[in-house]
Amino acid sequence: MASGTRPATAERGPSARRSVAATVRRGLTFWRRSIQARVVASTLVLSAVVVSGVGWFLLQQTRDGLLENRVDAVVAEADNESAEAVERLVAVPGTETDASTQASELATPIIARGETRGFDVALSGPGSSEEGLAEAGSIYTPGLDTTSVPQSLVDHFTRSGDTAWTYASIRTVDERGRVTSSEPGIVVGSQVRLPSDGRAWTLYFLFPLEEEQETLALVTRALLTAGGLLLVLVAGLTWLVTRQVVTPIRMARQVAERLAAGRLQERMRVSGEDDLARLALSFNQMASNLQRQIRQLEELSRVQRRFVSDVSHELRTPLTTVRMAGDVLHDARGDFDPVTARAAELLQTELDRFETLLVDLLEISRFDAGAAVLELDDVNLADVAHRVVERNRALAEQRGVTLEVSAPPRPCLAEADVRRVERIVRNLVTNAIDHAGPPERGRSRVVVHVAGDDHAAAVAVRDYGVGLAPGESALVFNRFWRADPARARTSGGTGLGLSISLEDTHLHGGWLQAWGRVDEGAQFRLTLPRRAGTPLRQSPLPLVPADARERLAGVTP
C-alpha cells in the first residue's frame, strides 16, 4: 500500500459509528417525546407477556394430554404383546431345553409385528443389568441401539417383575455402530419366563413419539401464528385508540406554541361533542380571553408610555420657565431675609431633582418603547470606575464615606456604550454612598472592584452599610422601590436609577446582580461581555464578597 493512504474500511469505520450513534440519539429522542410510541410499546410488551404465558400453559396442557394418551395406548399394546407371548410359551412342549432357540422363536414374530406397527423390540436374558443388553445375548430389532433402553428401567427388573415404563431417546445405528437418528419415545418393559430354563426374560417395547411430536409442533405453530396476529391486532388497536387521543393533544401543543410565539389568533379545530371536543372548546375560550386581556394590557401599557413621554416632554417647557425664575431667586438670595434665602435654596435643589426625574422618565419611556440603541466602543472599566469615583468624592466626603477603587494594572476592556456604562456605575456608587454605614461604627467605606478575563469584564460596588434582607436582592431593581420608605435620598436620587441601570445592562447583554445581608452591607456586580452579542457564562468577580464568605466560614477577616 502506498504511503499516506488508509484503507477504505478504516475511513468508513468512524462515520459508521457516528451514523449509528446519531440513529440511537434520534430513536431515544423519539421515545422521550412520543407518548403514542410509549403506550403502544408498553401495551405490546404486556400483551406479549400475557400471550406467552397463556401459550405456554396451553402447550403444557396439550403436551401432557398427548403423552398421557400415548402412554396408556403403548402400555396396553405392550401388555397385549406380553400376554400373547405368555400364551405361546404355555403351548411350547416341555421337551425344549435350548433357551436361546426358544427366546429367538419368541422374539422373532414380535419384532416382525413391531416393524409393521412402528415400534422396536428387545428381548434380554438374565444378567443384562450387570452386562448390558448387548453383552447378555439380547435379541432386538435390527438397527436398534440397545443403549436406548434406560439403565434405570433395566435395574427395575432386577428388583421387581411388574410391568414398568419410562421416557427415553430411541436411537438407531448403522452397520458400523454409528448413531444415525435419535427421537424421543416411551420404553415399556415386562417379564416372561421361558419353559426351557425357567428363568425370567425381559421384553422391552420401544414406541417412538414421532406423531405426538408432530402434533405438538403443529399446535405450537398455530399458537405462535395466533399470538403474532393477536399482537399485531393489539398494536393496531392501541395505535388507533392512542392516535384519537394524542392527535388533539398534539394539536393543542402546536396551537399553544404558536400562541406563545405571539400568534394570538390561533385556535384549535373543534369537531364533535365528546370530551376532547369540549377540551378544544375550553382551550379556544381560554385563548380568546388571554388575547383580549393581553390586548387590553398592551393598550394600557401603550397609553401609560405615551402619557409618561408626553408629560415628560410637556413639563420641560414650564420647568424651563420655573428654572429661570429659580435661578434669579437663587442668585439674589443674599438680599433676602434668612427664611426667604433658605426657601430659594430649597427651590433650587428640588428643581435640580425634578429635572433629573424628568430625564430619567424620558429614558424609561425610551426603554419601554424599544427605542434605546447602543453606541459601541472599547471601554476600559477601570478608567470608568476612577472617573465615577472622582466625580462623587465630594458627595462621599459630605457623608463621611471613604471611596476606594481596587483595579488591576492592566486594562479591563469591554465593547460597550461608555455613556450608559458610566451611568450604571454612577448609580451603583451613589446608591452605595446613600446606604453606607455611619462613620462612628467604622463602616463608612465603599470599595469599587474591577476585574476582567478573556470573556468578560466586571465592576462590583461593595458597601458595609444596612445591607439587604432576604429576598430584597430581587426587588432592588424595581422602579421607585426602597428598602426603608422612611429613609431619605441624600444623593438626590429619583428611585429610577437602578431600574435604568438594569435596562442598560440588558441592552448590553450583561448581568446586573445584587447581594446583601442585614447589617453586613451589600454588593452590586455589573458583568459585561468582552464582545457585544457574546453570551455570558461566568463573571470575573464573585457576587458574594470574600470578606462575607470568610465570616460565614467562621474565619476572622
Protein backbone atom coordinates (compact mmCIF):
# COMPACT_ATOMS: atom_id res chain seq x y z
CA MET A 1 0.00 0.00 0.00
CA ALA A 2 1.32 3.45 -0.88
CA SER A 3 2.49 5.74 1.87
CA GLY A 4 -0.08 8.21 3.22
CA THR A 5 -3.16 6.13 2.26
CA ARG A 6 -5.66 4.46 4.54
CA PRO A 7 -7.96 1.51 3.95
CA ALA A 8 -11.50 2.36 2.94
CA THR A 9 -12.83 0.31 5.86
CA ALA A 10 -10.84 2.45 8.29
CA GLU A 11 -12.41 5.57 6.80
CA ARG A 12 -15.90 4.11 6.92
CA GLY A 13 -15.50 2.90 10.50
CA PRO A 14 -15.79 6.24 12.38
CA SER A 15 -18.51 7.52 10.04
CA ALA A 16 -20.49 4.31 10.50
CA ARG A 17 -20.18 4.61 14.29
CA ARG A 18 -21.30 8.23 14.14
CA SER A 19 -24.26 7.24 12.00
CA VAL A 20 -25.24 4.53 14.47
CA ALA A 21 -24.86 6.96 17.40
CA ALA A 22 -26.98 9.57 15.60
CA THR A 23 -29.64 6.94 14.88
CA VAL A 24 -29.67 5.90 18.53
CA ARG A 25 -29.99 9.51 19.66
CA ARG A 26 -32.88 10.10 17.26
CA GLY A 27 -34.57 6.95 18.49
CA LEU A 28 -34.19 7.97 22.15
CA THR A 29 -35.48 11.46 21.36
CA PHE A 30 -38.50 9.99 19.57
CA TRP A 31 -39.11 7.64 22.53
CA ARG A 32 -38.97 10.50 25.04
CA ARG A 33 -41.22 12.80 23.02
CA SER A 34 -43.83 10.36 21.68
CA ILE A 35 -46.40 9.24 24.23
CA GLN A 36 -48.08 7.24 21.48
CA ALA A 37 -44.94 5.16 20.90
CA ARG A 38 -44.54 4.50 24.64
CA VAL A 39 -48.19 3.46 25.05
CA VAL A 40 -48.07 1.14 22.03
CA ALA A 41 -44.74 -0.37 23.13
CA SER A 42 -45.86 -0.92 26.74
CA THR A 43 -49.15 -2.44 25.58
CA LEU A 44 -47.28 -4.75 23.21
CA VAL A 45 -44.88 -5.85 25.95
CA LEU A 46 -47.68 -6.57 28.40
CA SER A 47 -49.72 -8.34 25.71
CA ALA A 48 -46.68 -10.40 24.70
CA VAL A 49 -46.16 -11.45 28.32
CA VAL A 50 -49.81 -12.47 28.69
CA VAL A 51 -49.93 -14.26 25.32
CA SER A 52 -46.67 -16.07 26.11
CA GLY A 53 -47.98 -17.19 29.49
CA VAL A 54 -51.27 -18.42 28.05
CA GLY A 55 -49.50 -20.10 25.13
CA TRP A 56 -47.04 -21.84 27.43
CA PHE A 57 -49.91 -23.08 29.63
CA LEU A 58 -51.84 -24.39 26.60
CA LEU A 59 -48.73 -26.13 25.23
CA GLN A 60 -48.08 -27.77 28.59
CA GLN A 61 -51.68 -28.99 28.79
CA THR A 62 -51.59 -30.24 25.19
CA ARG A 63 -48.27 -32.00 25.70
CA ASP A 64 -49.38 -33.63 28.94
CA GLY A 65 -52.63 -34.79 27.32
CA LEU A 66 -50.85 -36.23 24.28
CA LEU A 67 -48.27 -38.03 26.39
CA GLU A 68 -50.87 -39.38 28.80
CA ASN A 69 -52.96 -40.82 25.96
CA ARG A 70 -49.86 -42.23 24.27
CA VAL A 71 -48.63 -43.85 27.47
CA ASP A 72 -51.99 -45.52 28.05
CA ALA A 73 -52.02 -46.81 24.47
CA VAL A 74 -48.46 -48.16 24.42
CA VAL A 75 -48.75 -49.78 27.85
CA ALA A 76 -51.94 -51.52 26.71
CA GLU A 77 -50.30 -52.65 23.48
CA ALA A 78 -47.22 -53.88 25.37
CA ASP A 79 -49.45 -55.81 27.78
CA ASN A 80 -51.23 -57.45 24.85
CA GLU A 81 -47.94 -58.47 23.25
CA SER A 82 -46.67 -59.82 26.56
CA ALA A 83 -49.89 -61.76 27.15
CA GLU A 84 -49.74 -63.25 23.68
CA ALA A 85 -46.09 -64.23 24.25
CA VAL A 86 -47.02 -65.96 27.50
CA GLU A 87 -49.78 -67.90 25.72
CA ARG A 88 -47.31 -69.08 23.10
CA LEU A 89 -44.84 -70.13 25.79
CA VAL A 90 -47.54 -72.14 27.54
CA ALA A 91 -48.15 -74.09 24.33
CA VAL A 92 -44.44 -74.93 23.89
CA PRO A 93 -43.64 -78.68 24.56
CA GLY A 94 -41.75 -79.28 27.79
CA THR A 95 -39.03 -81.20 25.94
CA GLU A 96 -37.47 -77.95 24.63
CA THR A 97 -34.30 -77.22 26.61
CA ASP A 98 -32.41 -74.69 24.43
CA ALA A 99 -33.20 -71.26 25.97
CA SER A 100 -31.57 -69.26 23.15
CA THR A 101 -33.61 -71.01 20.45
CA GLN A 102 -36.79 -70.63 22.46
CA ALA A 103 -36.06 -66.91 23.05
CA SER A 104 -35.41 -66.38 19.34
CA GLU A 105 -38.66 -68.14 18.40
CA LEU A 106 -40.45 -65.90 20.94
CA ALA A 107 -38.91 -62.57 19.85
CA THR A 108 -38.92 -63.03 16.06
CA PRO A 109 -42.69 -62.69 15.46
CA ILE A 110 -42.92 -59.81 17.93
CA ILE A 111 -40.08 -57.97 16.15
CA ALA A 112 -41.82 -58.56 12.81
CA ARG A 113 -45.08 -57.15 14.13
CA GLY A 114 -43.20 -54.19 15.62
CA GLU A 115 -41.67 -53.33 12.26
CA THR A 116 -45.14 -53.17 10.71
CA ARG A 117 -46.69 -51.27 13.65
CA GLY A 118 -43.85 -48.81 14.16
CA PHE A 119 -42.19 -49.93 17.38
CA ASP A 120 -38.94 -51.67 18.25
CA VAL A 121 -38.49 -54.74 20.43
CA ALA A 122 -35.63 -56.00 22.56
CA LEU A 123 -35.57 -59.30 24.50
CA SER A 124 -32.87 -59.62 27.11
CA GLY A 125 -31.96 -62.59 29.19
CA PRO A 126 -30.96 -62.87 32.82
CA GLY A 127 -27.82 -60.88 33.81
CA SER A 128 -28.48 -57.95 31.48
CA SER A 129 -28.34 -55.50 34.37
CA GLU A 130 -24.69 -56.24 35.04
CA GLU A 131 -23.51 -56.96 31.49
CA GLY A 132 -25.75 -54.68 29.44
CA LEU A 133 -28.29 -55.74 26.81
CA ALA A 134 -25.75 -56.19 24.02
CA GLU A 135 -23.49 -58.46 26.09
CA ALA A 136 -26.31 -60.51 27.65
CA GLY A 137 -27.32 -62.28 24.44
CA SER A 138 -30.24 -59.97 23.72
CA ILE A 139 -32.45 -60.26 20.66
CA TYR A 140 -33.63 -56.90 19.26
CA THR A 141 -34.93 -55.14 16.20
CA PRO A 142 -32.19 -54.75 13.56
CA GLY A 143 -30.58 -51.30 13.66
CA LEU A 144 -31.72 -50.56 17.23
CA ASP A 145 -29.14 -49.11 19.63
CA THR A 146 -29.58 -51.24 22.75
CA THR A 147 -28.46 -48.32 24.91
CA SER A 148 -31.83 -46.72 24.08
CA VAL A 149 -33.23 -48.80 26.95
CA PRO A 150 -32.50 -46.71 30.07
CA GLN A 151 -30.40 -48.39 32.70
CA SER A 152 -32.90 -47.34 35.35
CA LEU A 153 -35.58 -49.46 33.66
CA VAL A 154 -33.17 -52.41 33.35
CA ASP A 155 -32.32 -52.13 37.05
CA HIS A 156 -36.01 -52.11 37.90
CA PHE A 157 -36.47 -55.68 36.69
CA THR A 158 -33.68 -56.92 38.93
CA ARG A 159 -35.84 -55.92 41.88
CA SER A 160 -39.39 -56.48 40.59
CA GLY A 161 -41.13 -58.28 37.76
CA ASP A 162 -44.01 -55.79 37.41
CA THR A 163 -44.55 -54.02 34.12
CA ALA A 164 -42.88 -50.58 34.04
CA TRP A 165 -42.32 -47.77 31.55
CA THR A 166 -40.23 -44.64 31.16
CA TYR A 167 -39.35 -41.90 28.66
CA ALA A 168 -36.15 -42.30 26.66
CA SER A 169 -34.38 -41.35 23.43
CA ILE A 170 -34.68 -44.12 20.84
CA ARG A 171 -31.55 -44.24 18.69
CA THR A 172 -30.78 -46.26 15.54
CA VAL A 173 -27.32 -47.26 14.31
CA ASP A 174 -25.82 -48.38 11.02
CA GLU A 175 -23.64 -51.43 10.28
CA ARG A 176 -20.61 -49.66 11.82
CA GLY A 177 -22.41 -48.85 15.04
CA ARG A 178 -22.73 -45.12 14.37
CA VAL A 179 -25.90 -43.41 15.55
CA THR A 180 -27.97 -42.31 12.55
CA SER A 181 -31.09 -40.95 14.26
CA SER A 182 -32.46 -40.18 17.67
CA GLU A 183 -36.01 -39.36 18.67
CA PRO A 184 -37.98 -39.26 21.91
CA GLY A 185 -40.05 -42.28 22.83
CA ILE A 186 -41.55 -44.47 25.52
CA VAL A 187 -39.95 -47.73 26.63
CA VAL A 188 -42.24 -50.35 28.23
CA GLY A 189 -40.82 -53.47 29.84
CA SER A 190 -42.41 -56.70 31.09
CA GLN A 191 -41.02 -60.09 32.08
CA VAL A 192 -41.81 -63.61 30.79
CA ARG A 193 -40.39 -66.99 31.89
CA LEU A 194 -39.04 -69.43 29.32
CA PRO A 195 -40.03 -73.04 29.95
CA SER A 196 -36.61 -74.16 28.74
CA ASP A 197 -34.66 -72.75 31.68
CA GLY A 198 -37.40 -71.44 33.97
CA ARG A 199 -35.70 -68.05 34.24
CA ALA A 200 -37.23 -64.59 33.68
CA TRP A 201 -36.52 -62.84 30.39
CA THR A 202 -37.45 -59.18 29.84
CA LEU A 203 -39.32 -57.85 26.81
CA TYR A 204 -38.71 -54.15 26.04
CA PHE A 205 -41.08 -52.35 23.69
CA LEU A 206 -39.78 -49.01 22.34
CA PHE A 207 -42.55 -46.79 20.97
CA PRO A 208 -41.49 -43.53 19.23
CA LEU A 209 -43.33 -40.27 19.92
CA GLU A 210 -42.99 -39.00 16.38
CA GLU A 211 -46.72 -38.44 15.82
CA GLU A 212 -47.12 -36.69 19.15
CA GLN A 213 -44.06 -34.53 18.39
CA GLU A 214 -45.53 -33.52 15.03
CA THR A 215 -48.88 -32.78 16.66
CA LEU A 216 -47.20 -30.66 19.34
CA ALA A 217 -45.19 -28.81 16.68
CA LEU A 218 -48.38 -28.14 14.73
CA VAL A 219 -50.09 -26.79 17.86
CA THR A 220 -47.00 -24.67 18.64
CA ARG A 221 -47.00 -23.15 15.14
CA ALA A 222 -50.71 -22.47 15.40
CA LEU A 223 -50.28 -20.78 18.79
CA LEU A 224 -47.32 -18.71 17.54
CA THR A 225 -49.25 -17.62 14.47
CA ALA A 226 -52.33 -16.78 16.51
CA GLY A 227 -50.20 -14.97 19.12
CA GLY A 228 -48.39 -12.95 16.47
CA LEU A 229 -51.64 -11.98 14.76
CA LEU A 230 -53.12 -11.10 18.16
CA LEU A 231 -50.13 -8.86 18.98
CA VAL A 232 -50.42 -7.15 15.60
CA LEU A 233 -54.13 -6.62 16.23
CA VAL A 234 -53.47 -5.27 19.74
CA ALA A 235 -50.76 -2.95 18.41
CA GLY A 236 -53.07 -1.67 15.69
CA LEU A 237 -55.95 -1.11 18.09
CA THR A 238 -53.66 0.60 20.62
CA TRP A 239 -52.17 2.81 17.94
CA LEU A 240 -55.65 3.73 16.67
CA VAL A 241 -57.00 4.49 20.16
CA THR A 242 -53.95 6.49 21.25
CA ARG A 243 -53.96 8.37 17.96
CA GLN A 244 -57.52 9.50 18.59
CA VAL A 245 -56.41 10.83 21.99
CA VAL A 246 -52.90 12.04 21.15
CA THR A 247 -53.75 13.89 17.92
CA PRO A 248 -55.88 16.55 19.68
CA ILE A 249 -53.18 16.87 22.35
CA ARG A 250 -50.55 17.43 19.67
CA MET A 251 -52.78 20.00 18.01
CA ALA A 252 -53.22 21.73 21.37
CA ARG A 253 -49.45 21.75 21.85
CA GLN A 254 -48.87 23.24 18.40
CA VAL A 255 -51.53 25.90 18.95
CA ALA A 256 -50.08 26.68 22.41
CA GLU A 257 -46.60 27.07 20.89
CA ARG A 258 -47.97 29.45 18.27
CA LEU A 259 -49.82 31.39 20.97
CA ALA A 260 -46.59 31.61 22.99
CA ALA A 261 -44.84 32.92 19.86
CA GLY A 262 -47.30 35.82 19.72
CA ARG A 263 -49.79 34.49 17.18
CA LEU A 264 -52.77 35.16 19.42
CA GLN A 265 -55.34 34.49 16.69
CA GLU A 266 -54.55 30.76 16.58
CA ARG A 267 -57.37 28.40 17.64
CA MET A 268 -57.97 24.65 17.80
CA ARG A 269 -60.37 22.95 15.40
CA VAL A 270 -63.45 21.66 17.22
CA SER A 271 -65.24 18.59 15.85
CA GLY A 272 -67.87 16.55 17.67
CA GLU A 273 -69.23 16.84 21.18
CA ASP A 274 -67.05 14.43 23.17
CA ASP A 275 -64.60 15.28 25.95
CA LEU A 276 -61.81 16.13 23.52
CA ALA A 277 -64.07 18.48 21.60
CA ARG A 278 -65.10 20.18 24.83
CA LEU A 279 -61.43 20.42 25.79
CA ALA A 280 -60.68 22.11 22.47
CA LEU A 281 -63.62 24.48 23.02
CA SER A 282 -62.38 25.35 26.52
CA PHE A 283 -58.87 25.87 25.15
CA ASN A 284 -60.18 28.25 22.48
CA GLN A 285 -62.17 30.18 25.07
CA MET A 286 -59.08 30.46 27.26
CA ALA A 287 -57.03 31.66 24.28
CA SER A 288 -59.69 34.26 23.43
CA ASN A 289 -59.75 35.54 26.99
CA LEU A 290 -55.96 35.69 27.10
CA GLN A 291 -55.87 37.50 23.77
CA ARG A 292 -58.41 40.06 24.97
CA GLN A 293 -56.59 40.61 28.27
CA ILE A 294 -53.19 40.84 26.59
CA ARG A 295 -54.50 43.38 24.13
CA GLN A 296 -56.02 45.36 26.99
CA LEU A 297 -52.70 45.27 28.84
CA GLU A 298 -50.80 46.23 25.69
CA GLU A 299 -53.15 49.13 25.12
CA LEU A 300 -52.87 50.20 28.76
CA SER A 301 -49.09 49.94 28.62
CA ARG A 302 -49.01 51.91 25.40
CA VAL A 303 -51.22 54.59 26.92
CA GLN A 304 -49.04 54.70 30.03
CA ARG A 305 -45.84 55.01 28.00
CA ARG A 306 -47.39 57.67 25.83
CA PHE A 307 -48.63 59.50 28.92
CA VAL A 308 -45.20 59.40 30.60
CA SER A 309 -43.48 60.52 27.42
CA ASP A 310 -45.97 63.30 26.73
CA VAL A 311 -45.97 64.53 30.32
CA SER A 312 -42.17 64.46 30.46
CA HIS A 313 -41.93 66.47 27.28
CA GLU A 314 -44.70 68.88 28.22
CA LEU A 315 -43.21 69.53 31.66
CA ARG A 316 -39.90 70.62 30.19
CA THR A 317 -41.34 73.95 28.99
CA PRO A 318 -42.80 75.10 32.34
CA LEU A 319 -39.78 73.62 34.09
CA THR A 320 -37.52 75.84 31.97
CA THR A 321 -39.55 78.87 32.98
CA VAL A 322 -39.53 77.88 36.64
CA ARG A 323 -35.81 77.15 36.38
CA MET A 324 -35.14 80.68 35.07
CA ALA A 325 -37.16 82.21 37.92
CA GLY A 326 -35.48 79.91 40.43
CA ASP A 327 -32.02 80.86 39.17
CA VAL A 328 -32.88 84.55 39.58
CA LEU A 329 -34.13 83.97 43.12
CA HIS A 330 -31.14 81.78 43.97
CA ASP A 331 -28.67 84.37 42.68
CA ALA A 332 -30.39 87.13 44.67
CA ARG A 333 -30.78 85.14 47.90
CA GLY A 334 -28.11 87.29 49.57
CA ASP A 335 -30.55 90.23 49.58
CA PHE A 336 -33.31 88.21 51.24
CA ASP A 337 -34.01 87.58 54.86
CA PRO A 338 -32.76 84.17 56.15
CA VAL A 339 -36.12 82.40 55.76
CA THR A 340 -36.62 83.58 52.16
CA ALA A 341 -32.98 82.77 51.29
CA ARG A 342 -33.40 79.25 52.64
CA ALA A 343 -36.58 78.86 50.60
CA ALA A 344 -34.70 79.92 47.44
CA GLU A 345 -32.01 77.29 48.12
CA LEU A 346 -34.61 74.58 48.68
CA LEU A 347 -36.37 75.60 45.48
CA GLN A 348 -33.12 75.28 43.52
CA THR A 349 -32.39 71.83 45.00
CA GLU A 350 -35.85 70.48 44.24
CA LEU A 351 -35.73 71.92 40.72
CA ASP A 352 -32.48 70.01 40.14
CA ARG A 353 -34.11 66.85 41.41
CA PHE A 354 -37.23 67.45 39.33
CA GLU A 355 -35.14 67.92 36.21
CA THR A 356 -33.25 64.70 36.92
CA LEU A 357 -36.57 62.90 37.40
CA LEU A 358 -37.81 64.12 34.01
CA VAL A 359 -34.61 62.91 32.33
CA ASP A 360 -35.00 59.50 33.95
CA LEU A 361 -38.65 59.27 32.96
CA LEU A 362 -37.78 60.06 29.36
CA GLU A 363 -35.07 57.38 29.44
CA ILE A 364 -37.50 54.84 30.90
CA SER A 365 -40.03 55.67 28.19
CA ARG A 366 -37.39 55.05 25.51
CA PHE A 367 -36.61 51.65 27.04
CA ASP A 368 -40.31 50.79 27.17
CA ALA A 369 -40.76 51.80 23.56
CA GLY A 370 -37.72 49.80 22.44
CA ALA A 371 -36.07 52.90 21.03
CA ALA A 372 -32.84 52.71 23.07
CA VAL A 373 -29.71 51.99 20.99
CA LEU A 374 -26.04 51.46 21.82
CA GLU A 375 -23.03 53.40 20.61
CA LEU A 376 -20.38 50.72 21.00
CA ASP A 377 -16.72 51.30 21.64
CA ASP A 378 -13.90 49.62 23.55
CA VAL A 379 -14.35 50.78 27.15
CA ASN A 380 -11.83 50.33 29.96
CA LEU A 381 -13.97 49.68 33.05
CA ALA A 382 -11.07 50.64 35.35
CA ASP A 383 -11.00 54.16 33.82
CA VAL A 384 -14.78 54.38 34.16
CA ALA A 385 -14.58 53.40 37.84
CA HIS A 386 -11.90 56.01 38.57
CA ARG A 387 -13.84 58.79 36.80
CA VAL A 388 -17.09 57.97 38.62
CA VAL A 389 -15.33 57.83 41.99
CA GLU A 390 -13.63 61.19 41.45
CA ARG A 391 -16.90 62.84 40.43
CA ASN A 392 -18.68 61.53 43.53
CA ARG A 393 -15.87 62.06 46.01
CA ALA A 394 -17.33 65.40 47.19
CA LEU A 395 -20.66 63.76 47.92
CA ALA A 396 -18.90 60.94 49.75
CA GLU A 397 -16.85 63.36 51.86
CA GLN A 398 -20.02 65.23 52.72
CA ARG A 399 -21.46 61.96 54.05
CA GLY A 400 -18.21 60.94 55.72
CA VAL A 401 -17.77 57.97 53.35
CA THR A 402 -14.42 56.80 52.03
CA LEU A 403 -14.31 55.78 48.35
CA GLU A 404 -11.75 53.23 47.15
CA VAL A 405 -11.01 51.61 43.79
CA SER A 406 -9.47 48.15 43.53
CA ALA A 407 -8.48 47.56 39.90
CA PRO A 408 -5.70 45.58 38.19
CA PRO A 409 -2.91 47.44 36.38
CA ARG A 410 -3.90 46.03 33.01
CA PRO A 411 -6.98 47.36 31.15
CA CYS A 412 -10.33 45.60 31.67
CA LEU A 413 -11.87 46.15 28.26
CA ALA A 414 -15.42 45.54 27.09
CA GLU A 415 -17.23 46.51 23.91
CA ALA A 416 -19.94 48.82 25.31
CA ASP A 417 -21.60 52.23 25.29
CA VAL A 418 -19.38 54.33 27.57
CA ARG A 419 -22.17 56.79 28.44
CA ARG A 420 -24.50 54.05 29.62
CA VAL A 421 -21.77 52.14 31.47
CA GLU A 422 -20.77 55.31 33.33
CA ARG A 423 -24.40 55.85 34.25
CA ILE A 424 -24.66 52.31 35.61
CA VAL A 425 -21.50 52.64 37.71
CA ARG A 426 -22.54 56.13 38.90
CA ASN A 427 -25.94 54.84 40.05
CA LEU A 428 -24.30 51.95 41.89
CA VAL A 429 -21.76 54.22 43.61
CA THR A 430 -24.31 56.86 44.67
CA ASN A 431 -26.63 54.12 45.90
CA ALA A 432 -23.75 52.66 47.96
CA ILE A 433 -22.98 56.13 49.42
CA ASP A 434 -26.64 56.52 50.41
CA HIS A 435 -26.62 53.17 52.23
CA ALA A 436 -23.10 53.17 53.67
CA GLY A 437 -22.71 52.67 57.41
CA PRO A 438 -22.25 55.57 59.84
CA PRO A 439 -18.68 56.79 60.39
CA GLU A 440 -18.84 56.20 64.14
CA ARG A 441 -19.25 52.44 63.54
CA GLY A 442 -16.20 52.25 61.24
CA ARG A 443 -18.17 51.02 58.23
CA SER A 444 -18.43 54.20 56.15
CA ARG A 445 -16.43 52.72 53.29
CA VAL A 446 -17.33 51.94 49.67
CA VAL A 447 -14.97 49.84 47.56
CA VAL A 448 -15.26 49.58 43.77
CA HIS A 449 -13.70 46.34 42.48
CA VAL A 450 -12.78 45.95 38.80
CA ALA A 451 -11.64 42.73 37.09
CA GLY A 452 -11.63 41.11 33.68
CA ASP A 453 -10.73 37.95 31.82
CA ASP A 454 -10.75 36.73 28.23
CA HIS A 455 -14.55 36.57 28.07
CA ALA A 456 -15.97 39.25 30.37
CA ALA A 457 -15.25 42.35 32.42
CA ALA A 458 -16.92 43.25 35.70
CA VAL A 459 -17.37 46.05 38.23
CA ALA A 460 -18.55 45.33 41.79
CA VAL A 461 -19.50 48.09 44.25
CA ARG A 462 -19.25 46.99 47.88
CA ASP A 463 -20.61 48.90 50.86
CA TYR A 464 -20.73 47.97 54.57
CA GLY A 465 -24.00 49.65 55.49
CA VAL A 466 -27.51 48.47 56.29
CA GLY A 467 -27.43 45.65 53.72
CA LEU A 468 -30.40 43.79 52.26
CA ALA A 469 -32.88 41.48 53.90
CA PRO A 470 -33.52 38.02 52.37
CA GLY A 471 -35.49 38.39 49.15
CA GLU A 472 -34.77 42.08 48.70
CA SER A 473 -31.93 41.48 46.22
CA ALA A 474 -34.61 40.64 43.63
CA LEU A 475 -36.61 43.82 44.40
CA VAL A 476 -33.93 46.50 44.40
CA PHE A 477 -34.18 46.94 40.63
CA ASN A 478 -37.92 47.65 40.67
CA ARG A 479 -38.94 51.20 39.85
CA PHE A 480 -39.25 53.51 42.91
CA TRP A 481 -38.59 50.59 45.29
CA ARG A 482 -36.90 51.42 48.62
CA ALA A 483 -35.94 49.03 51.39
CA ASP A 484 -36.79 51.65 54.01
CA PRO A 485 -39.51 54.07 52.79
CA ALA A 486 -38.67 56.45 55.65
CA ARG A 487 -35.03 56.75 54.53
CA ALA A 488 -34.18 59.97 52.68
CA ARG A 489 -32.34 60.07 49.36
CA THR A 490 -29.39 62.20 50.36
CA SER A 491 -27.80 61.98 46.92
CA GLY A 492 -30.87 63.37 45.21
CA GLY A 493 -31.85 60.12 43.53
CA THR A 494 -35.21 59.63 41.84
CA GLY A 495 -35.81 55.97 42.59
CA LEU A 496 -35.30 55.03 38.93
CA GLY A 497 -31.51 54.76 38.87
CA LEU A 498 -31.21 51.01 39.46
CA SER A 499 -34.11 50.29 37.09
CA ILE A 500 -32.40 52.29 34.33
CA SER A 501 -29.11 50.58 35.15
CA LEU A 502 -30.74 47.17 34.76
CA GLU A 503 -32.20 48.16 31.37
CA ASP A 504 -28.80 49.48 30.25
CA THR A 505 -27.21 46.20 31.33
CA HIS A 506 -29.76 44.11 29.43
CA LEU A 507 -29.18 46.29 26.37
CA HIS A 508 -25.51 45.24 26.53
CA GLY A 509 -26.39 41.56 27.05
CA GLY A 510 -24.80 41.65 30.51
CA TRP A 511 -25.69 40.87 34.14
CA LEU A 512 -26.55 43.25 36.98
CA GLN A 513 -26.88 41.35 40.25
CA ALA A 514 -27.17 42.23 43.92
CA TRP A 515 -26.12 40.53 47.15
CA GLY A 516 -26.73 41.74 50.66
CA ARG A 517 -27.03 40.74 54.29
CA VAL A 518 -28.60 42.74 57.08
CA ASP A 519 -26.00 44.90 58.91
CA GLU A 520 -23.21 43.42 56.79
CA GLY A 521 -23.62 45.62 53.74
CA ALA A 522 -24.34 44.85 50.11
CA GLN A 523 -22.55 44.34 46.82
CA PHE A 524 -23.81 45.10 43.31
CA ARG A 525 -21.99 43.44 40.42
CA LEU A 526 -22.05 44.53 36.77
CA THR A 527 -20.75 41.96 34.25
CA LEU A 528 -20.35 42.77 30.54
CA PRO A 529 -19.16 40.51 27.70
CA ARG A 530 -15.83 41.40 26.11
CA ARG A 531 -17.52 41.35 22.71
CA ALA A 532 -21.08 42.56 22.16
CA GLY A 533 -23.52 39.75 21.48
CA THR A 534 -21.37 37.08 23.12
CA PRO A 535 -23.34 35.12 25.76
CA LEU A 536 -22.01 35.29 29.32
CA ARG A 537 -21.13 32.12 31.23
CA GLN A 538 -19.37 33.45 34.32
CA SER A 539 -18.14 36.67 35.89
CA PRO A 540 -14.53 37.57 36.76
CA LEU A 541 -15.73 38.79 40.19
CA PRO A 542 -17.69 36.78 42.78
CA LEU A 543 -21.15 38.03 43.69
CA VAL A 544 -20.65 37.25 47.40
CA PRO A 545 -17.68 39.28 48.70
CA ALA A 546 -14.63 37.45 50.01
CA ASP A 547 -14.90 39.01 53.49
CA ALA A 548 -18.53 37.86 53.77
CA ARG A 549 -17.56 34.31 52.76
CA GLU A 550 -14.85 34.29 55.41
CA ARG A 551 -17.29 35.39 58.10
CA LEU A 552 -19.74 32.72 57.02
CA ALA A 553 -16.95 30.15 57.28
CA GLY A 554 -16.11 31.34 60.79
CA VAL A 555 -12.79 32.98 59.83
CA THR A 556 -12.00 36.47 61.08
CA PRO A 557 -11.17 38.68 58.07
